[in-house]
Amino acid sequence: MVGSDEGGQSGAVGLPMSPAQSRAARGLLGWSEAELARKVGFEERVVRDFEAGHGDPSPGRIEALRSALMAAGAVFTDSPYPGVRLEPQGQGEGTRLGDLTTENDR
């Protein structure tokens, strides 16, 4: 899907993250502004100001915030509308039908 984190080409530049997407991703993850800031080594005011639409944070700071959210399972999308969803962590593909045995039940 062009314009999302899904199926992107290696080395492709990711989309910028909007303040609303940052707030939504934090909400989905159950993180406070302080928790997100702590994960990337920023002061809490950096997150608070960005999400409130104040100031002009550098693209590197926005990318650091976005990367921390993505590492926790946030997937940012833009088509047809900007959004965010959670990707289940650690669930993989499961067991394929042909590989099912009684041993899988244990």
PDB file of N, CA and C in Angstrom:
ATOM      1  N   MET A   1       0.852  -1.157   0.000  1.00  0.00           N
ATOM      2  CA  MET A   1       0.000   0.000   0.000  1.00  0.00           C
ATOM      3  C   MET A   1       0.900   1.221   0.000  1.00  0.00           C
ATOM      4  N   VAL A   2       0.836   2.045  -0.994  1.00  0.00           N
ATOM      5  CA  VAL A   2       1.654   3.235  -1.088  1.00  0.00           C
ATOM      6  C   VAL A   2       1.174   4.244  -0.060  1.00  0.00           C
ATOM      7  N   GLY A   3       2.139   4.903   0.606  1.00  0.00           N
ATOM      8  CA  GLY A   3       1.784   5.943   1.554  1.00  0.00           C
ATOM      9  C   GLY A   3       1.471   5.438   2.947  1.00  0.00           C
ATOM     10  N   SER A   4       1.853   4.225   3.268  1.00  0.00           N
ATOM     11  CA  SER A   4       1.645   3.733   4.633  1.00  0.00           C
ATOM     12  C   SER A   4       2.889   2.984   5.063  1.00  0.00           C
ATOM     13  N   ASP A   5       2.873   2.537   6.315  1.00  0.00           N
ATOM     14  CA  ASP A   5       3.995   1.758   6.814  1.00  0.00           C
ATOM     15  C   ASP A   5       3.942   0.334   6.318  1.00  0.00           C
ATOM     16  N   GLU A   6       2.846  -0.053   5.696  1.00  0.00           N
ATOM     17  CA  GLU A   6       2.689  -1.414   5.224  1.00  0.00           C
ATOM     18  C   GLU A   6       3.238  -1.538   3.818  1.00  0.00           C
ATOM     19  N   GLY A   7       4.085  -2.521   3.609  1.00  0.00           N
ATOM     20  CA  GLY A   7       4.566  -2.823   2.267  1.00  0.00           C
ATOM     21  C   GLY A   7       5.451  -1.754   1.683  1.00  0.00           C
ATOM     22  N   GLY A   8       6.016  -0.887   2.505  1.00  0.00           N
ATOM     23  CA  GLY A   8       6.882   0.158   1.981  1.00  0.00           C
ATOM     24  C   GLY A   8       8.184  -0.430   1.484  1.00  0.00           C
ATOM     25  N   GLN A   9       8.829   0.284   0.557  1.00  0.00           N
ATOM     26  CA  GLN A   9      10.091  -0.179   0.042  1.00  0.00           C
ATOM     27  C   GLN A   9      11.175   0.093   1.059  1.00  0.00           C
ATOM     28  N   SER A  10      12.165  -0.753   1.080  1.00  0.00           N
ATOM     29  CA  SER A  10      13.282  -0.559   1.986  1.00  0.00           C
ATOM     30  C   SER A  10      13.958   0.764   1.658  1.00  0.00           C
ATOM     31  N   GLY A  11      14.243   1.554   2.697  1.00  0.00           N
ATOM     32  CA  GLY A  11      14.899   2.830   2.489  1.00  0.00           C
ATOM     33  C   GLY A  11      13.946   3.948   2.148  1.00  0.00           C
ATOM     34  N   ALA A  12      12.655   3.663   2.013  1.00  0.00           N
ATOM     35  CA  ALA A  12      11.705   4.710   1.689  1.00  0.00           C
ATOM     36  C   ALA A  12      11.497   5.595   2.909  1.00  0.00           C
ATOM     37  N   VAL A  13      11.318   6.886   2.665  1.00  0.00           N
ATOM     38  CA  VAL A  13      11.090   7.828   3.742  1.00  0.00           C
ATOM     39  C   VAL A  13       9.658   7.677   4.231  1.00  0.00           C
ATOM     40  N   GLY A  14       9.479   7.555   5.540  1.00  0.00           N
ATOM     41  CA  GLY A  14       8.152   7.407   6.117  1.00  0.00           C
ATOM     42  C   GLY A  14       7.390   8.712   6.083  1.00  0.00           C
ATOM     43  N   LEU A  15       6.115   8.593   6.321  1.00  0.00           N
ATOM     44  CA  LEU A  15       5.260   9.762   6.367  1.00  0.00           C
ATOM     45  C   LEU A  15       5.524  10.555   7.626  1.00  0.00           C
ATOM     46  N   PRO A  16       5.319  11.871   7.562  1.00  0.00           N
ATOM     47  CA  PRO A  16       5.392  12.615   8.812  1.00  0.00           C
ATOM     48  C   PRO A  16       4.220  12.214   9.695  1.00  0.00           C
ATOM     49  N   MET A  17       4.383  12.370  10.970  1.00  0.00           N
ATOM     50  CA  MET A  17       3.325  12.045  11.916  1.00  0.00           C
ATOM     51  C   MET A  17       2.676  13.347  12.357  1.00  0.00           C
ATOM     52  N   SER A  18       1.363  13.387  12.303  1.00  0.00           N
ATOM     53  CA  SER A  18       0.654  14.583  12.752  1.00  0.00           C
ATOM     54  C   SER A  18       0.516  14.564  14.274  1.00  0.00           C
ATOM     55  N   PRO A  19       0.281  15.721  14.882  1.00  0.00           N
ATOM     56  CA  PRO A  19       0.027  15.749  16.319  1.00  0.00           C
ATOM     57  C   PRO A  19      -1.153  14.852  16.717  1.00  0.00           C
ATOM     58  N   ALA A  20      -2.200  14.845  15.912  1.00  0.00           N
ATOM     59  CA  ALA A  20      -3.367  14.003  16.216  1.00  0.00           C
ATOM     60  C   ALA A  20      -3.003  12.523  16.169  1.00  0.00           C
ATOM     61  N   GLN A  21      -2.175  12.128  15.214  1.00  0.00           N
ATOM     62  CA  GLN A  21      -1.752  10.733  15.135  1.00  0.00           C
ATOM     63  C   GLN A  21      -0.904  10.353  16.351  1.00  0.00           C
ATOM     64  N   SER A  22      -0.073  11.263  16.801  1.00  0.00           N
ATOM     65  CA  SER A  22       0.742  10.997  17.987  1.00  0.00           C
ATOM     66  C   SER A  22      -0.150  10.788  19.209  1.00  0.00           C
ATOM     67  N   ARG A  23      -1.130  11.674  19.397  1.00  0.00           N
ATOM     68  CA  ARG A  23      -2.058  11.535  20.526  1.00  0.00           C
ATOM     69  C   ARG A  23      -2.829  10.226  20.440  1.00  0.00           C
ATOM     70  N   ALA A  24      -3.288   9.889  19.234  1.00  0.00           N
ATOM     71  CA  ALA A  24      -4.060   8.656  19.045  1.00  0.00           C
ATOM     72  C   ALA A  24      -3.202   7.427  19.334  1.00  0.00           C
ATOM     73  N   ALA A  25      -1.984   7.418  18.836  1.00  0.00           N
ATOM     74  CA  ALA A  25      -1.103   6.269  19.062  1.00  0.00           C
ATOM     75  C   ALA A  25      -0.810   6.116  20.554  1.00  0.00           C
ATOM     76  N   ARG A  26      -0.536   7.220  21.222  1.00  0.00           N
ATOM     77  CA  ARG A  26      -0.301   7.147  22.668  1.00  0.00           C
ATOM     78  C   ARG A  26      -1.516   6.594  23.394  1.00  0.00           C
ATOM     79  N   GLY A  27      -2.700   7.054  22.967  1.00  0.00           N
ATOM     80  CA  GLY A  27      -3.930   6.576  23.587  1.00  0.00           C
ATOM     81  C   GLY A  27      -4.132   5.087  23.387  1.00  0.00           C
ATOM     82  N   LEU A  28      -3.863   4.615  22.174  1.00  0.00           N
ATOM     83  CA  LEU A  28      -4.000   3.184  21.900  1.00  0.00           C
ATOM     84  C   LEU A  28      -3.026   2.355  22.721  1.00  0.00           C
ATOM     85  N   LEU A  29      -1.851   2.907  22.951  1.00  0.00           N
ATOM     86  CA  LEU A  29      -0.830   2.192  23.710  1.00  0.00           C
ATOM     87  C   LEU A  29      -0.980   2.387  25.222  1.00  0.00           C
ATOM     88  N   GLY A  30      -1.814   3.348  25.604  1.00  0.00           N
ATOM     89  CA  GLY A  30      -1.986   3.632  27.026  1.00  0.00           C
ATOM     90  C   GLY A  30      -0.804   4.376  27.631  1.00  0.00           C
ATOM     91  N   TRP A  31      -0.091   5.153  26.808  1.00  0.00           N
ATOM     92  CA  TRP A  31       1.078   5.889  27.267  1.00  0.00           C
ATOM     93  C   TRP A  31       0.711   7.327  27.578  1.00  0.00           C
ATOM     94  N   SER A  32       1.349   7.894  28.583  1.00  0.00           N
ATOM     95  CA  SER A  32       1.216   9.318  28.875  1.00  0.00           C
ATOM     96  C   SER A  32       2.240  10.085  28.029  1.00  0.00           C
ATOM     97  N   GLU A  33       2.110  11.413  28.016  1.00  0.00           N
ATOM     98  CA  GLU A  33       3.111  12.234  27.327  1.00  0.00           C
ATOM     99  C   GLU A  33       4.485  11.995  27.947  1.00  0.00           C
ATOM    100  N   ALA A  34       4.512  11.881  29.280  1.00  0.00           N
ATOM    101  CA  ALA A  34       5.781  11.669  29.983  1.00  0.00           C
ATOM    102  C   ALA A  34       6.416  10.333  29.591  1.00  0.00           C
ATOM    103  N   GLU A  35       5.606   9.284  29.439  1.00  0.00           N
ATOM    104  CA  GLU A  35       6.147   7.974  29.061  1.00  0.00           C
ATOM    105  C   GLU A  35       6.771   8.017  27.675  1.00  0.00           C
ATOM    106  N   LEU A  36       6.074   8.630  26.717  1.00  0.00           N
ATOM    107  CA  LEU A  36       6.630   8.721  25.364  1.00  0.00           C
ATOM    108  C   LEU A  36       7.923   9.527  25.387  1.00  0.00           C
ATOM    109  N   ALA A  37       7.913  10.656  26.083  1.00  0.00           N
ATOM    110  CA  ALA A  37       9.115  11.483  26.158  1.00  0.00           C
ATOM    111  C   ALA A  37      10.285  10.707  26.764  1.00  0.00           C
ATOM    112  N   ARG A  38      10.017   9.973  27.814  1.00  0.00           N
ATOM    113  CA  ARG A  38      11.053   9.190  28.499  1.00  0.00           C
ATOM    114  C   ARG A  38      11.645   8.136  27.559  1.00  0.00           C
ATOM    115  N   LYS A  39      10.813   7.524  26.737  1.00  0.00           N
ATOM    116  CA  LYS A  39      11.285   6.462  25.833  1.00  0.00           C
ATOM    117  C   LYS A  39      12.270   6.980  24.790  1.00  0.00           C
ATOM    118  N   VAL A  40      12.147   8.265  24.437  1.00  0.00           N
ATOM    119  CA  VAL A  40      13.052   8.830  23.428  1.00  0.00           C
ATOM    120  C   VAL A  40      14.071   9.806  24.017  1.00  0.00           C
ATOM    121  N   GLY A  41      14.019  10.000  25.342  1.00  0.00           N
ATOM    122  CA  GLY A  41      14.998  10.866  25.989  1.00  0.00           C
ATOM    123  C   GLY A  41      14.720  12.350  25.831  1.00  0.00           C
ATOM    124  N   PHE A  42      13.460  12.714  25.613  1.00  0.00           N
ATOM    125  CA  PHE A  42      13.075  14.128  25.498  1.00  0.00           C
ATOM    126  C   PHE A  42      12.424  14.587  26.792  1.00  0.00           C
ATOM    127  N   GLU A  43      12.339  15.901  26.933  1.00  0.00           N
ATOM    128  CA  GLU A  43      11.556  16.465  28.025  1.00  0.00           C
ATOM    129  C   GLU A  43      10.082  16.313  27.664  1.00  0.00           C
ATOM    130  N   GLU A  44       9.236  16.161  28.674  1.00  0.00           N
ATOM    131  CA  GLU A  44       7.807  15.977  28.448  1.00  0.00           C
ATOM    132  C   GLU A  44       7.205  17.133  27.642  1.00  0.00           C
ATOM    133  N   ARG A  45       7.707  18.329  27.844  1.00  0.00           N
ATOM    134  CA  ARG A  45       7.150  19.498  27.132  1.00  0.00           C
ATOM    135  C   ARG A  45       7.295  19.370  25.618  1.00  0.00           C
ATOM    136  N   VAL A  46       8.317  18.642  25.145  1.00  0.00           N
ATOM    137  CA  VAL A  46       8.497  18.448  23.697  1.00  0.00           C
ATOM    138  C   VAL A  46       7.285  17.712  23.134  1.00  0.00           C
ATOM    139  N   VAL A  47       6.867  16.643  23.803  1.00  0.00           N
ATOM    140  CA  VAL A  47       5.700  15.872  23.357  1.00  0.00           C
ATOM    141  C   VAL A  47       4.434  16.725  23.506  1.00  0.00           C
ATOM    142  N   ARG A  48       4.293  17.340  24.665  1.00  0.00           N
ATOM    143  CA  ARG A  48       3.093  18.147  24.935  1.00  0.00           C
ATOM    144  C   ARG A  48       2.944  19.268  23.904  1.00  0.00           C
ATOM    145  N   ASP A  49       4.038  19.994  23.633  1.00  0.00           N
ATOM    146  CA  ASP A  49       3.979  21.097  22.668  1.00  0.00           C
ATOM    147  C   ASP A  49       3.696  20.599  21.255  1.00  0.00           C
ATOM    148  N   PHE A  50       4.353  19.501  20.861  1.00  0.00           N
ATOM    149  CA  PHE A  50       4.110  18.950  19.518  1.00  0.00           C
ATOM    150  C   PHE A  50       2.652  18.558  19.354  1.00  0.00           C
ATOM    151  N   GLU A  51       2.120  17.816  20.317  1.00  0.00           N
ATOM    152  CA  GLU A  51       0.743  17.329  20.199  1.00  0.00           C
ATOM    153  C   GLU A  51      -0.283  18.453  20.303  1.00  0.00           C
ATOM    154  N   ALA A  52       0.094  19.567  20.920  1.00  0.00           N
ATOM    155  CA  ALA A  52      -0.800  20.727  21.003  1.00  0.00           C
ATOM    156  C   ALA A  52      -0.659  21.628  19.784  1.00  0.00           C
ATOM    157  N   GLY A  53       0.290  21.313  18.914  1.00  0.00           N
ATOM    158  CA  GLY A  53       0.485  22.111  17.707  1.00  0.00           C
ATOM    159  C   GLY A  53       1.287  23.368  17.937  1.00  0.00           C
ATOM    160  N   HIS A  54       2.050  23.413  19.039  1.00  0.00           N
ATOM    161  CA  HIS A  54       2.879  24.577  19.363  1.00  0.00           C
ATOM    162  C   HIS A  54       4.308  24.329  18.943  1.00  0.00           C
ATOM    163  N   GLY A  55       4.968  25.397  18.555  1.00  0.00           N
ATOM    164  CA  GLY A  55       6.372  25.280  18.202  1.00  0.00           C
ATOM    165  C   GLY A  55       6.555  24.611  16.851  1.00  0.00           C
ATOM    166  N   ASP A  56       7.800  24.374  16.528  1.00  0.00           N
ATOM    167  CA  ASP A  56       8.147  23.754  15.253  1.00  0.00           C
ATOM    168  C   ASP A  56       9.265  22.741  15.493  1.00  0.00           C
ATOM    169  N   PRO A  57       8.894  21.546  15.998  1.00  0.00           N
ATOM    170  CA  PRO A  57       9.940  20.560  16.282  1.00  0.00           C
ATOM    171  C   PRO A  57      10.624  20.104  15.000  1.00  0.00           C
ATOM    172  N   SER A  58      11.879  19.752  15.146  1.00  0.00           N
ATOM    173  CA  SER A  58      12.637  19.301  13.973  1.00  0.00           C
ATOM    174  C   SER A  58      12.064  17.979  13.472  1.00  0.00           C
ATOM    175  N   PRO A  59      12.213  17.717  12.175  1.00  0.00           N
ATOM    176  CA  PRO A  59      11.763  16.429  11.635  1.00  0.00           C
ATOM    177  C   PRO A  59      12.403  15.248  12.368  1.00  0.00           C
ATOM    178  N   GLY A  60      13.636  15.408  12.832  1.00  0.00           N
ATOM    179  CA  GLY A  60      14.308  14.340  13.561  1.00  0.00           C
ATOM    180  C   GLY A  60      13.621  14.026  14.876  1.00  0.00           C
ATOM    181  N   ARG A  61      13.134  15.048  15.550  1.00  0.00           N
ATOM    182  CA  ARG A  61      12.417  14.827  16.809  1.00  0.00           C
ATOM    183  C   ARG A  61      11.093  14.122  16.549  1.00  0.00           C
ATOM    184  N   ILE A  62      10.382  14.567  15.526  1.00  0.00           N
ATOM    185  CA  ILE A  62       9.102  13.926  15.194  1.00  0.00           C
ATOM    186  C   ILE A  62       9.339  12.469  14.818  1.00  0.00           C
ATOM    187  N   GLU A  63      10.379  12.220  14.060  1.00  0.00           N
ATOM    188  CA  GLU A  63      10.690  10.839  13.651  1.00  0.00           C
ATOM    189  C   GLU A  63      11.066   9.981  14.856  1.00  0.00           C
ATOM    190  N   ALA A  64      11.770  10.560  15.829  1.00  0.00           N
ATOM    191  CA  ALA A  64      12.125   9.809  17.035  1.00  0.00           C
ATOM    192  C   ALA A  64      10.865   9.411  17.797  1.00  0.00           C
ATOM    193  N   LEU A  65       9.910  10.327  17.916  1.00  0.00           N
ATOM    194  CA  LEU A  65       8.643  10.021  18.585  1.00  0.00           C
ATOM    195  C   LEU A  65       7.899   8.939  17.818  1.00  0.00           C
ATOM    196  N   ARG A  66       7.830   9.117  16.509  1.00  0.00           N
ATOM    197  CA  ARG A  66       7.115   8.168  15.646  1.00  0.00           C
ATOM    198  C   ARG A  66       7.744   6.784  15.720  1.00  0.00           C
ATOM    199  N   SER A  67       9.063   6.731  15.724  1.00  0.00           N
ATOM    200  CA  SER A  67       9.767   5.443  15.780  1.00  0.00           C
ATOM    201  C   SER A  67       9.484   4.707  17.080  1.00  0.00           C
ATOM    202  N   ALA A  68       9.446   5.444  18.191  1.00  0.00           N
ATOM    203  CA  ALA A  68       9.146   4.812  19.476  1.00  0.00           C
ATOM    204  C   ALA A  68       7.733   4.242  19.482  1.00  0.00           C
ATOM    205  N   LEU A  69       6.797   4.981  18.918  1.00  0.00           N
ATOM    206  CA  LEU A  69       5.410   4.504  18.848  1.00  0.00           C
ATOM    207  C   LEU A  69       5.302   3.281  17.932  1.00  0.00           C
ATOM    208  N   MET A  70       6.019   3.320  16.808  1.00  0.00           N
ATOM    209  CA  MET A  70       5.985   2.199  15.870  1.00  0.00           C
ATOM    210  C   MET A  70       6.618   0.950  16.481  1.00  0.00           C
ATOM    211  N   ALA A  71       7.692   1.133  17.256  1.00  0.00           N
ATOM    212  CA  ALA A  71       8.350  -0.010  17.891  1.00  0.00           C
ATOM    213  C   ALA A  71       7.409  -0.720  18.863  1.00  0.00           C
ATOM    214  N   ALA A  72       6.442   0.026  19.386  1.00  0.00           N
ATOM    215  CA  ALA A  72       5.476  -0.559  20.324  1.00  0.00           C
ATOM    216  C   ALA A  72       4.245  -1.108  19.617  1.00  0.00           C
ATOM    217  N   GLY A  73       4.199  -0.980  18.273  1.00  0.00           N
ATOM    218  CA  GLY A  73       3.100  -1.576  17.518  1.00  0.00           C
ATOM    219  C   GLY A  73       2.180  -0.613  16.806  1.00  0.00           C
ATOM    220  N   ALA A  74       2.439   0.692  16.885  1.00  0.00           N
ATOM    221  CA  ALA A  74       1.599   1.656  16.168  1.00  0.00           C
ATOM    222  C   ALA A  74       1.921   1.616  14.673  1.00  0.00           C
ATOM    223  N   VAL A  75       0.892   1.604  13.856  1.00  0.00           N
ATOM    224  CA  VAL A  75       1.040   1.625  12.401  1.00  0.00           C
ATOM    225  C   VAL A  75       0.336   2.879  11.907  1.00  0.00           C
ATOM    226  N   PHE A  76       1.089   3.748  11.239  1.00  0.00           N
ATOM    227  CA  PHE A  76       0.544   5.010  10.747  1.00  0.00           C
ATOM    228  C   PHE A  76       0.112   4.855   9.291  1.00  0.00           C
ATOM    229  N   THR A  77      -1.060   5.380   8.973  1.00  0.00           N
ATOM    230  CA  THR A  77      -1.605   5.274   7.622  1.00  0.00           C
ATOM    231  C   THR A  77      -2.010   6.660   7.125  1.00  0.00           C
ATOM    232  N   ASP A  78      -2.139   6.791   5.821  1.00  0.00           N
ATOM    233  CA  ASP A  78      -2.603   8.060   5.269  1.00  0.00           C
ATOM    234  C   ASP A  78      -3.662   7.896   4.194  1.00  0.00           C
ATOM    235  N   SER A  79      -4.009   6.685   3.847  1.00  0.00           N
ATOM    236  CA  SER A  79      -4.931   6.490   2.735  1.00  0.00           C
ATOM    237  C   SER A  79      -6.172   5.745   3.193  1.00  0.00           C
ATOM    238  N   PRO A  80      -7.346   6.240   2.940  1.00  0.00           N
ATOM    239  CA  PRO A  80      -7.616   7.532   2.325  1.00  0.00           C
ATOM    240  C   PRO A  80      -7.530   8.690   3.309  1.00  0.00           C
ATOM    241  N   TYR A  81      -7.455   8.423   4.619  1.00  0.00           N
ATOM    242  CA  TYR A  81      -7.337   9.476   5.621  1.00  0.00           C
ATOM    243  C   TYR A  81      -6.212   9.133   6.589  1.00  0.00           C
ATOM    244  N   PRO A  82      -5.521  10.149   7.110  1.00  0.00           N
ATOM    245  CA  PRO A  82      -4.479   9.872   8.099  1.00  0.00           C
ATOM    246  C   PRO A  82      -5.066   9.167   9.312  1.00  0.00           C
ATOM    247  N   GLY A  83      -4.352   8.191   9.818  1.00  0.00           N
ATOM    248  CA  GLY A  83      -4.836   7.459  10.987  1.00  0.00           C
ATOM    249  C   GLY A  83      -3.729   6.669  11.627  1.00  0.00           C
ATOM    250  N   VAL A  84      -4.114   5.883  12.606  1.00  0.00           N
ATOM    251  CA  VAL A  84      -3.173   5.026  13.318  1.00  0.00           C
ATOM    252  C   VAL A  84      -3.950   3.832  13.857  1.00  0.00           C
ATOM    253  N   ARG A  85      -3.276   2.684  13.877  1.00  0.00           N
ATOM    254  CA  ARG A  85      -3.871   1.483  14.448  1.00  0.00           C
ATOM    255  C   ARG A  85      -2.754   0.716  15.118  1.00  0.00           C
ATOM    256  N   LEU A  86      -3.128  -0.275  15.908  1.00  0.00           N
ATOM    257  CA  LEU A  86      -2.121  -1.108  16.554  1.00  0.00           C
ATOM    258  C   LEU A  86      -1.953  -2.412  15.800  1.00  0.00           C
ATOM    259  N   GLU A  87      -0.729  -2.836  15.674  1.00  0.00           N
ATOM    260  CA  GLU A  87      -0.381  -4.129  15.099  1.00  0.00           C
ATOM    261  C   GLU A  87      -0.169  -5.066  16.275  1.00  0.00           C
ATOM    262  N   PRO A  88      -0.841  -6.202  16.298  1.00  0.00           N
ATOM    263  CA  PRO A  88      -0.628  -7.138  17.413  1.00  0.00           C
ATOM    264  C   PRO A  88       0.847  -7.495  17.533  1.00  0.00           C
ATOM    265  N   GLN A  89       1.367  -7.432  18.728  1.00  0.00           N
ATOM    266  CA  GLN A  89       2.779  -7.729  18.972  1.00  0.00           C
ATOM    267  C   GLN A  89       2.964  -9.192  19.337  1.00  0.00           C
ATOM    268  N   GLY A  90       3.965  -9.812  18.725  1.00  0.00           N
ATOM    269  CA  GLY A  90       4.356 -11.161  19.099  1.00  0.00           C
ATOM    270  C   GLY A  90       3.363 -12.244  18.728  1.00  0.00           C
ATOM    271  N   GLN A  91       2.462 -11.971  17.797  1.00  0.00           N
ATOM    272  CA  GLN A  91       1.474 -12.990  17.479  1.00  0.00           C
ATOM    273  C   GLN A  91       1.827 -13.774  16.229  1.00  0.00           C
ATOM    274  N   GLY A  92       2.683 -13.227  15.389  1.00  0.00           N
ATOM    275  CA  GLY A  92       3.132 -13.949  14.203  1.00  0.00           C
ATOM    276  C   GLY A  92       1.990 -14.464  13.355  1.00  0.00           C
ATOM    277  N   GLU A  93       2.295 -15.471  12.559  1.00  0.00           N
ATOM    278  CA  GLU A  93       1.291 -16.056  11.675  1.00  0.00           C
ATOM    279  C   GLU A  93       0.493 -17.153  12.343  1.00  0.00           C
ATOM    280  N   GLY A  94       0.960 -17.660  13.462  1.00  0.00           N
ATOM    281  CA  GLY A  94       0.279 -18.796  14.074  1.00  0.00           C
ATOM    282  C   GLY A  94       0.770 -20.085  13.445  1.00  0.00           C
ATOM    283  N   THR A  95      -0.023 -21.119  13.561  1.00  0.00           N
ATOM    284  CA  THR A  95       0.331 -22.429  13.014  1.00  0.00           C
ATOM    285  C   THR A  95      -0.445 -22.659  11.726  1.00  0.00           C
ATOM    286  N   ARG A  96       0.270 -23.029  10.692  1.00  0.00           N
ATOM    287  CA  ARG A  96      -0.372 -23.300   9.411  1.00  0.00           C
ATOM    288  C   ARG A  96      -1.186 -24.585   9.496  1.00  0.00           C
ATOM    289  N   LEU A  97      -2.265 -24.660   8.746  1.00  0.00           N
ATOM    290  CA  LEU A  97      -3.173 -25.797   8.780  1.00  0.00           C
ATOM    291  C   LEU A  97      -2.436 -27.120   8.594  1.00  0.00           C
ATOM    292  N   GLY A  98      -1.543 -27.189   7.638  1.00  0.00           N
ATOM    293  CA  GLY A  98      -0.824 -28.426   7.367  1.00  0.00           C
ATOM    294  C   GLY A  98       0.134 -28.826   8.479  1.00  0.00           C
ATOM    295  N   ASP A  99       0.450 -27.906   9.380  1.00  0.00           N
ATOM    296  CA  ASP A  99       1.384 -28.200  10.476  1.00  0.00           C
ATOM    297  C   ASP A  99       0.678 -28.546  11.786  1.00  0.00           C
ATOM    298  N   LEU A 100      -0.647 -28.552  11.781  1.00  0.00           N
ATOM    299  CA  LEU A 100      -1.377 -28.852  13.014  1.00  0.00           C
ATOM    300  C   LEU A 100      -1.255 -30.327  13.378  1.00  0.00           C
ATOM    301  N   THR A 101      -0.916 -30.563  14.635  1.00  0.00           N
ATOM    302  CA  THR A 101      -0.840 -31.929  15.164  1.00  0.00           C
ATOM    303  C   THR A 101      -1.343 -31.878  16.612  1.00  0.00           C
ATOM    304  N   THR A 102      -1.458 -33.020  17.235  1.00  0.00           N
ATOM    305  CA  THR A 102      -1.847 -33.024  18.648  1.00  0.00           C
ATOM    306  C   THR A 102      -0.777 -32.370  19.507  1.00  0.00           C
ATOM    307  N   GLU A 103       0.454 -32.329  19.032  1.00  0.00           N
ATOM    308  CA  GLU A 103       1.536 -31.676  19.778  1.00  0.00           C
ATOM    309  C   GLU A 103       1.291 -30.176  19.883  1.00  0.00           C
ATOM    310  N   ASN A 104       0.583 -29.564  18.909  1.00  0.00           N
ATOM    311  CA  ASN A 104       0.305 -28.138  18.945  1.00  0.00           C
ATOM    312  C   ASN A 104      -0.637 -27.762  20.081  1.00  0.00           C
ATOM    313  N   ASP A 105      -1.377 -28.726  20.591  1.00  0.00           N
ATOM    314  CA  ASP A 105      -2.359 -28.469  21.637  1.00  0.00           C
ATOM    315  C   ASP A 105      -1.735 -28.343  23.020  1.00  0.00           C
ATOM    316  N   ARG A 106      -0.484 -28.688  23.165  1.00  0.00           N
ATOM    317  CA  ARG A 106       0.152 -28.690  24.488  1.00  0.00           C
ATOM    318  C   ARG A 106       0.707 -27.359  24.838  1.00  0.00           C
TER     319      ARG A 106
END
